[in-house]
PDB file of N, CA and C in Angstrom:
ATOM      1  N   MET A   1      21.329  19.773  15.767  1.00  0.00           N
ATOM      2  CA  MET A   1      21.067  18.556  15.040  1.00  0.00           C
ATOM      3  C   MET A   1      22.200  18.378  14.023  1.00  0.00           C
ATOM      4  N   PRO A   2      22.785  17.193  13.969  1.00  0.00           N
ATOM      5  CA  PRO A   2      23.839  16.943  12.986  1.00  0.00           C
ATOM      6  C   PRO A   2      23.297  16.978  11.556  1.00  0.00           C
ATOM      7  N   LYS A   3      24.152  17.420  10.625  1.00  0.00           N
ATOM      8  CA  LYS A   3      23.746  17.478   9.219  1.00  0.00           C
ATOM      9  C   LYS A   3      23.327  16.110   8.709  1.00  0.00           C
ATOM     10  N   SER A   4      24.021  15.068   9.123  1.00  0.00           N
ATOM     11  CA  SER A   4      23.715  13.723   8.639  1.00  0.00           C
ATOM     12  C   SER A   4      22.307  13.287   9.043  1.00  0.00           C
ATOM     13  N   THR A   5      21.873  13.696  10.215  1.00  0.00           N
ATOM     14  CA  THR A   5      20.527  13.361  10.676  1.00  0.00           C
ATOM     15  C   THR A   5      19.480  14.081   9.836  1.00  0.00           C
ATOM     16  N   TYR A   6      19.759  15.320   9.474  1.00  0.00           N
ATOM     17  CA  TYR A   6      18.815  16.097   8.674  1.00  0.00           C
ATOM     18  C   TYR A   6      18.695  15.540   7.262  1.00  0.00           C
ATOM     19  N   TYR A   7      19.820  15.181   6.639  1.00  0.00           N
ATOM     20  CA  TYR A   7      19.809  14.750   5.245  1.00  0.00           C
ATOM     21  C   TYR A   7      19.526  13.257   5.060  1.00  0.00           C
ATOM     22  N   GLN A   8      19.515  12.487   6.111  1.00  0.00           N
ATOM     23  CA  GLN A   8      19.324  11.041   6.017  1.00  0.00           C
ATOM     24  C   GLN A   8      18.040  10.636   5.289  1.00  0.00           C
ATOM     25  N   PRO A   9      16.872  11.211   5.576  1.00  0.00           N
ATOM     26  CA  PRO A   9      15.642  10.792   4.884  1.00  0.00           C
ATOM     27  C   PRO A   9      15.658  11.061   3.379  1.00  0.00           C
ATOM     28  N   PHE A  10      16.458  12.024   2.920  1.00  0.00           N
ATOM     29  CA  PHE A  10      16.501  12.343   1.500  1.00  0.00           C
ATOM     30  C   PHE A  10      17.198  11.260   0.688  1.00  0.00           C
ATOM     31  N   HIS A  11      18.072  10.494   1.320  1.00  0.00           N
ATOM     32  CA  HIS A  11      18.855   9.480   0.626  1.00  0.00           C
ATOM     33  C   HIS A  11      18.331   8.069   0.852  1.00  0.00           C
ATOM     34  N   LYS A  12      17.283   7.955   1.626  1.00  0.00           N
ATOM     35  CA  LYS A  12      16.741   6.649   1.965  1.00  0.00           C
ATOM     36  C   LYS A  12      15.977   6.064   0.782  1.00  0.00           C
ATOM     37  N   LYS A  13      16.228   4.801   0.480  1.00  0.00           N
ATOM     38  CA  LYS A  13      15.489   4.108  -0.570  1.00  0.00           C
ATOM     39  C   LYS A  13      14.493   3.153   0.082  1.00  0.00           C
ATOM     40  N   LEU A  14      13.341   2.994  -0.563  1.00  0.00           N
ATOM     41  CA  LEU A  14      12.326   2.102  -0.023  1.00  0.00           C
ATOM     42  C   LEU A  14      12.744   0.650  -0.219  1.00  0.00           C
ATOM     43  N   ASN A  15      12.498  -0.174   0.785  1.00  0.00           N
ATOM     44  CA  ASN A  15      12.804  -1.590   0.650  1.00  0.00           C
ATOM     45  C   ASN A  15      11.620  -2.312  -0.001  1.00  0.00           C
ATOM     46  N   SER A  16      11.778  -3.582  -0.270  1.00  0.00           N
ATOM     47  CA  SER A  16      10.755  -4.345  -0.990  1.00  0.00           C
ATOM     48  C   SER A  16       9.444  -4.422  -0.211  1.00  0.00           C
ATOM     49  N   TYR A  17       9.515  -4.437   1.118  1.00  0.00           N
ATOM     50  CA  TYR A  17       8.306  -4.474   1.934  1.00  0.00           C
ATOM     51  C   TYR A  17       7.465  -3.223   1.699  1.00  0.00           C
ATOM     52  N   HIS A  18       8.090  -2.072   1.699  1.00  0.00           N
ATOM     53  CA  HIS A  18       7.361  -0.822   1.516  1.00  0.00           C
ATOM     54  C   HIS A  18       6.781  -0.711   0.106  1.00  0.00           C
ATOM     55  N   VAL A  19       7.515  -1.187  -0.887  1.00  0.00           N
ATOM     56  CA  VAL A  19       7.024  -1.147  -2.262  1.00  0.00           C
ATOM     57  C   VAL A  19       5.806  -2.057  -2.408  1.00  0.00           C
ATOM     58  N   ALA A  20       5.879  -3.271  -1.875  1.00  0.00           N
ATOM     59  CA  ALA A  20       4.760  -4.213  -1.944  1.00  0.00           C
ATOM     60  C   ALA A  20       3.553  -3.677  -1.172  1.00  0.00           C
ATOM     61  N   ASN A  21       3.803  -3.063  -0.035  1.00  0.00           N
ATOM     62  CA  ASN A  21       2.722  -2.502   0.772  1.00  0.00           C
ATOM     63  C   ASN A  21       2.029  -1.363   0.026  1.00  0.00           C
ATOM     64  N   GLN A  22       2.792  -0.553  -0.692  1.00  0.00           N
ATOM     65  CA  GLN A  22       2.217   0.548  -1.453  1.00  0.00           C
ATOM     66  C   GLN A  22       1.335   0.020  -2.582  1.00  0.00           C
ATOM     67  N   LYS A  23       1.787  -1.045  -3.281  1.00  0.00           N
ATOM     68  CA  LYS A  23       0.985  -1.643  -4.352  1.00  0.00           C
ATOM     69  C   LYS A  23      -0.317  -2.217  -3.804  1.00  0.00           C
ATOM     70  N   LEU A  24      -0.239  -2.864  -2.658  1.00  0.00           N
ATOM     71  CA  LEU A  24      -1.420  -3.441  -2.024  1.00  0.00           C
ATOM     72  C   LEU A  24      -2.405  -2.337  -1.627  1.00  0.00           C
ATOM     73  N   LEU A  25      -1.898  -1.266  -1.077  1.00  0.00           N
ATOM     74  CA  LEU A  25      -2.749  -0.151  -0.679  1.00  0.00           C
ATOM     75  C   LEU A  25      -3.462   0.462  -1.887  1.00  0.00           C
ATOM     76  N   GLU A  26      -2.760   0.571  -3.014  1.00  0.00           N
ATOM     77  CA  GLU A  26      -3.372   1.099  -4.232  1.00  0.00           C
ATOM     78  C   GLU A  26      -4.502   0.190  -4.706  1.00  0.00           C
ATOM     79  N   GLN A  27      -4.294  -1.121  -4.632  1.00  0.00           N
ATOM     80  CA  GLN A  27      -5.325  -2.079  -5.035  1.00  0.00           C
ATOM     81  C   GLN A  27      -6.541  -1.992  -4.121  1.00  0.00           C
ATOM     82  N   ILE A  28      -6.304  -1.869  -2.825  1.00  0.00           N
ATOM     83  CA  ILE A  28      -7.403  -1.767  -1.861  1.00  0.00           C
ATOM     84  C   ILE A  28      -8.237  -0.517  -2.149  1.00  0.00           C
ATOM     85  N   LYS A  29      -7.568   0.598  -2.380  1.00  0.00           N
ATOM     86  CA  LYS A  29      -8.290   1.844  -2.669  1.00  0.00           C
ATOM     87  C   LYS A  29      -9.065   1.734  -3.972  1.00  0.00           C
ATOM     88  N   ALA A  30      -8.490   1.081  -4.983  1.00  0.00           N
ATOM     89  CA  ALA A  30      -9.162   0.931  -6.270  1.00  0.00           C
ATOM     90  C   ALA A  30     -10.417   0.072  -6.128  1.00  0.00           C
ATOM     91  N   ILE A  31     -10.324  -1.044  -5.409  1.00  0.00           N
ATOM     92  CA  ILE A  31     -11.477  -1.915  -5.200  1.00  0.00           C
ATOM     93  C   ILE A  31     -12.563  -1.158  -4.435  1.00  0.00           C
ATOM     94  N   HIS A  32     -12.173  -0.435  -3.408  1.00  0.00           N
ATOM     95  CA  HIS A  32     -13.130   0.313  -2.598  1.00  0.00           C
ATOM     96  C   HIS A  32     -13.836   1.373  -3.442  1.00  0.00           C
ATOM     97  N   ASN A  33     -13.080   2.081  -4.258  1.00  0.00           N
ATOM     98  CA  ASN A  33     -13.671   3.131  -5.097  1.00  0.00           C
ATOM     99  C   ASN A  33     -14.525   2.556  -6.216  1.00  0.00           C
ATOM    100  N   ASP A  34     -14.124   1.423  -6.799  1.00  0.00           N
ATOM    101  CA  ASP A  34     -14.897   0.799  -7.867  1.00  0.00           C
ATOM    102  C   ASP A  34     -16.279   0.365  -7.398  1.00  0.00           C
ATOM    103  N   ASN A  35     -16.376   0.068  -6.122  1.00  0.00           N
ATOM    104  CA  ASN A  35     -17.647  -0.385  -5.560  1.00  0.00           C
ATOM    105  C   ASN A  35     -18.337   0.702  -4.758  1.00  0.00           C
ATOM    106  N   LYS A  36     -18.029   1.938  -5.085  1.00  0.00           N
ATOM    107  CA  LYS A  36     -18.673   3.125  -4.505  1.00  0.00           C
ATOM    108  C   LYS A  36     -18.609   3.162  -2.981  1.00  0.00           C
ATOM    109  N   GLY A  37     -17.538   2.614  -2.422  1.00  0.00           N
ATOM    110  CA  GLY A  37     -17.345   2.678  -0.977  1.00  0.00           C
ATOM    111  C   GLY A  37     -18.203   1.719  -0.189  1.00  0.00           C
ATOM    112  N   ARG A  38     -18.839   0.784  -0.863  1.00  0.00           N
ATOM    113  CA  ARG A  38     -19.748  -0.141  -0.162  1.00  0.00           C
ATOM    114  C   ARG A  38     -19.034  -1.370   0.381  1.00  0.00           C
ATOM    115  N   TYR A  39     -17.894  -1.721  -0.199  1.00  0.00           N
ATOM    116  CA  TYR A  39     -17.199  -2.934   0.233  1.00  0.00           C
ATOM    117  C   TYR A  39     -16.402  -2.659   1.498  1.00  0.00           C
ATOM    118  N   GLY A  40     -16.487  -3.599   2.425  1.00  0.00           N
ATOM    119  CA  GLY A  40     -15.699  -3.532   3.643  1.00  0.00           C
ATOM    120  C   GLY A  40     -14.518  -4.481   3.537  1.00  0.00           C
ATOM    121  N   ALA A  41     -13.878  -4.728   4.652  1.00  0.00           N
ATOM    122  CA  ALA A  41     -12.671  -5.544   4.684  1.00  0.00           C
ATOM    123  C   ALA A  41     -12.887  -6.972   4.166  1.00  0.00           C
ATOM    124  N   PRO A  42     -13.959  -7.674   4.550  1.00  0.00           N
ATOM    125  CA  PRO A  42     -14.115  -9.057   4.077  1.00  0.00           C
ATOM    126  C   PRO A  42     -14.255  -9.160   2.548  1.00  0.00           C
ATOM    127  N   LYS A  43     -15.055  -8.280   1.968  1.00  0.00           N
ATOM    128  CA  LYS A  43     -15.244  -8.342   0.519  1.00  0.00           C
ATOM    129  C   LYS A  43     -13.992  -7.884  -0.221  1.00  0.00           C
ATOM    130  N   ILE A  44     -13.305  -6.890   0.295  1.00  0.00           N
ATOM    131  CA  ILE A  44     -12.057  -6.444  -0.326  1.00  0.00           C
ATOM    132  C   ILE A  44     -11.026  -7.565  -0.250  1.00  0.00           C
ATOM    133  N   HIS A  45     -10.984  -8.266   0.871  1.00  0.00           N
ATOM    134  CA  HIS A  45     -10.057  -9.391   1.019  1.00  0.00           C
ATOM    135  C   HIS A  45     -10.335 -10.470  -0.024  1.00  0.00           C
ATOM    136  N   GLU A  46     -11.594 -10.781  -0.262  1.00  0.00           N
ATOM    137  CA  GLU A  46     -11.955 -11.774  -1.268  1.00  0.00           C
ATOM    138  C   GLU A  46     -11.528 -11.330  -2.665  1.00  0.00           C
ATOM    139  N   LYS A  47     -11.754 -10.057  -2.986  1.00  0.00           N
ATOM    140  CA  LYS A  47     -11.352  -9.532  -4.296  1.00  0.00           C
ATOM    141  C   LYS A  47      -9.832  -9.585  -4.471  1.00  0.00           C
ATOM    142  N   LEU A  48      -9.088  -9.293  -3.407  1.00  0.00           N
ATOM    143  CA  LEU A  48      -7.629  -9.339  -3.473  1.00  0.00           C
ATOM    144  C   LEU A  48      -7.146 -10.772  -3.698  1.00  0.00           C
ATOM    145  N   LYS A  49      -7.797 -11.737  -3.031  1.00  0.00           N
ATOM    146  CA  LYS A  49      -7.427 -13.140  -3.233  1.00  0.00           C
ATOM    147  C   LYS A  49      -7.693 -13.557  -4.670  1.00  0.00           C
ATOM    148  N   GLN A  50      -8.794 -13.074  -5.255  1.00  0.00           N
ATOM    149  CA  GLN A  50      -9.110 -13.405  -6.654  1.00  0.00           C
ATOM    150  C   GLN A  50      -8.063 -12.804  -7.592  1.00  0.00           C
ATOM    151  N   LYS A  51      -7.504 -11.681  -7.227  1.00  0.00           N
ATOM    152  CA  LYS A  51      -6.486 -11.034  -8.069  1.00  0.00           C
ATOM    153  C   LYS A  51      -5.091 -11.621  -7.853  1.00  0.00           C
ATOM    154  N   GLY A  52      -4.948 -12.516  -6.875  1.00  0.00           N
ATOM    155  CA  GLY A  52      -3.676 -13.181  -6.668  1.00  0.00           C
ATOM    156  C   GLY A  52      -2.819 -12.646  -5.540  1.00  0.00           C
ATOM    157  N   PHE A  53      -3.354 -11.739  -4.749  1.00  0.00           N
ATOM    158  CA  PHE A  53      -2.619 -11.250  -3.597  1.00  0.00           C
ATOM    159  C   PHE A  53      -2.770 -12.227  -2.439  1.00  0.00           C
ATOM    160  N   ALA A  54      -1.696 -12.438  -1.739  1.00  0.00           N
ATOM    161  CA  ALA A  54      -1.722 -13.375  -0.605  1.00  0.00           C
ATOM    162  C   ALA A  54      -2.002 -12.640   0.683  1.00  0.00           C
TER     163      ALA A  54
END
């Protein structure tokens, strides 16, 4: 395996898509945990829309 292939992931920076996706995932987990795991996808989607996520 070439050295460049091995070290490539260490120098990779996240793009804006990955950063936004990570923030969205954190919000989804927070909403789910705040409601004791009772909310499913439709209710989480409504809460995200209320918070301004598209």
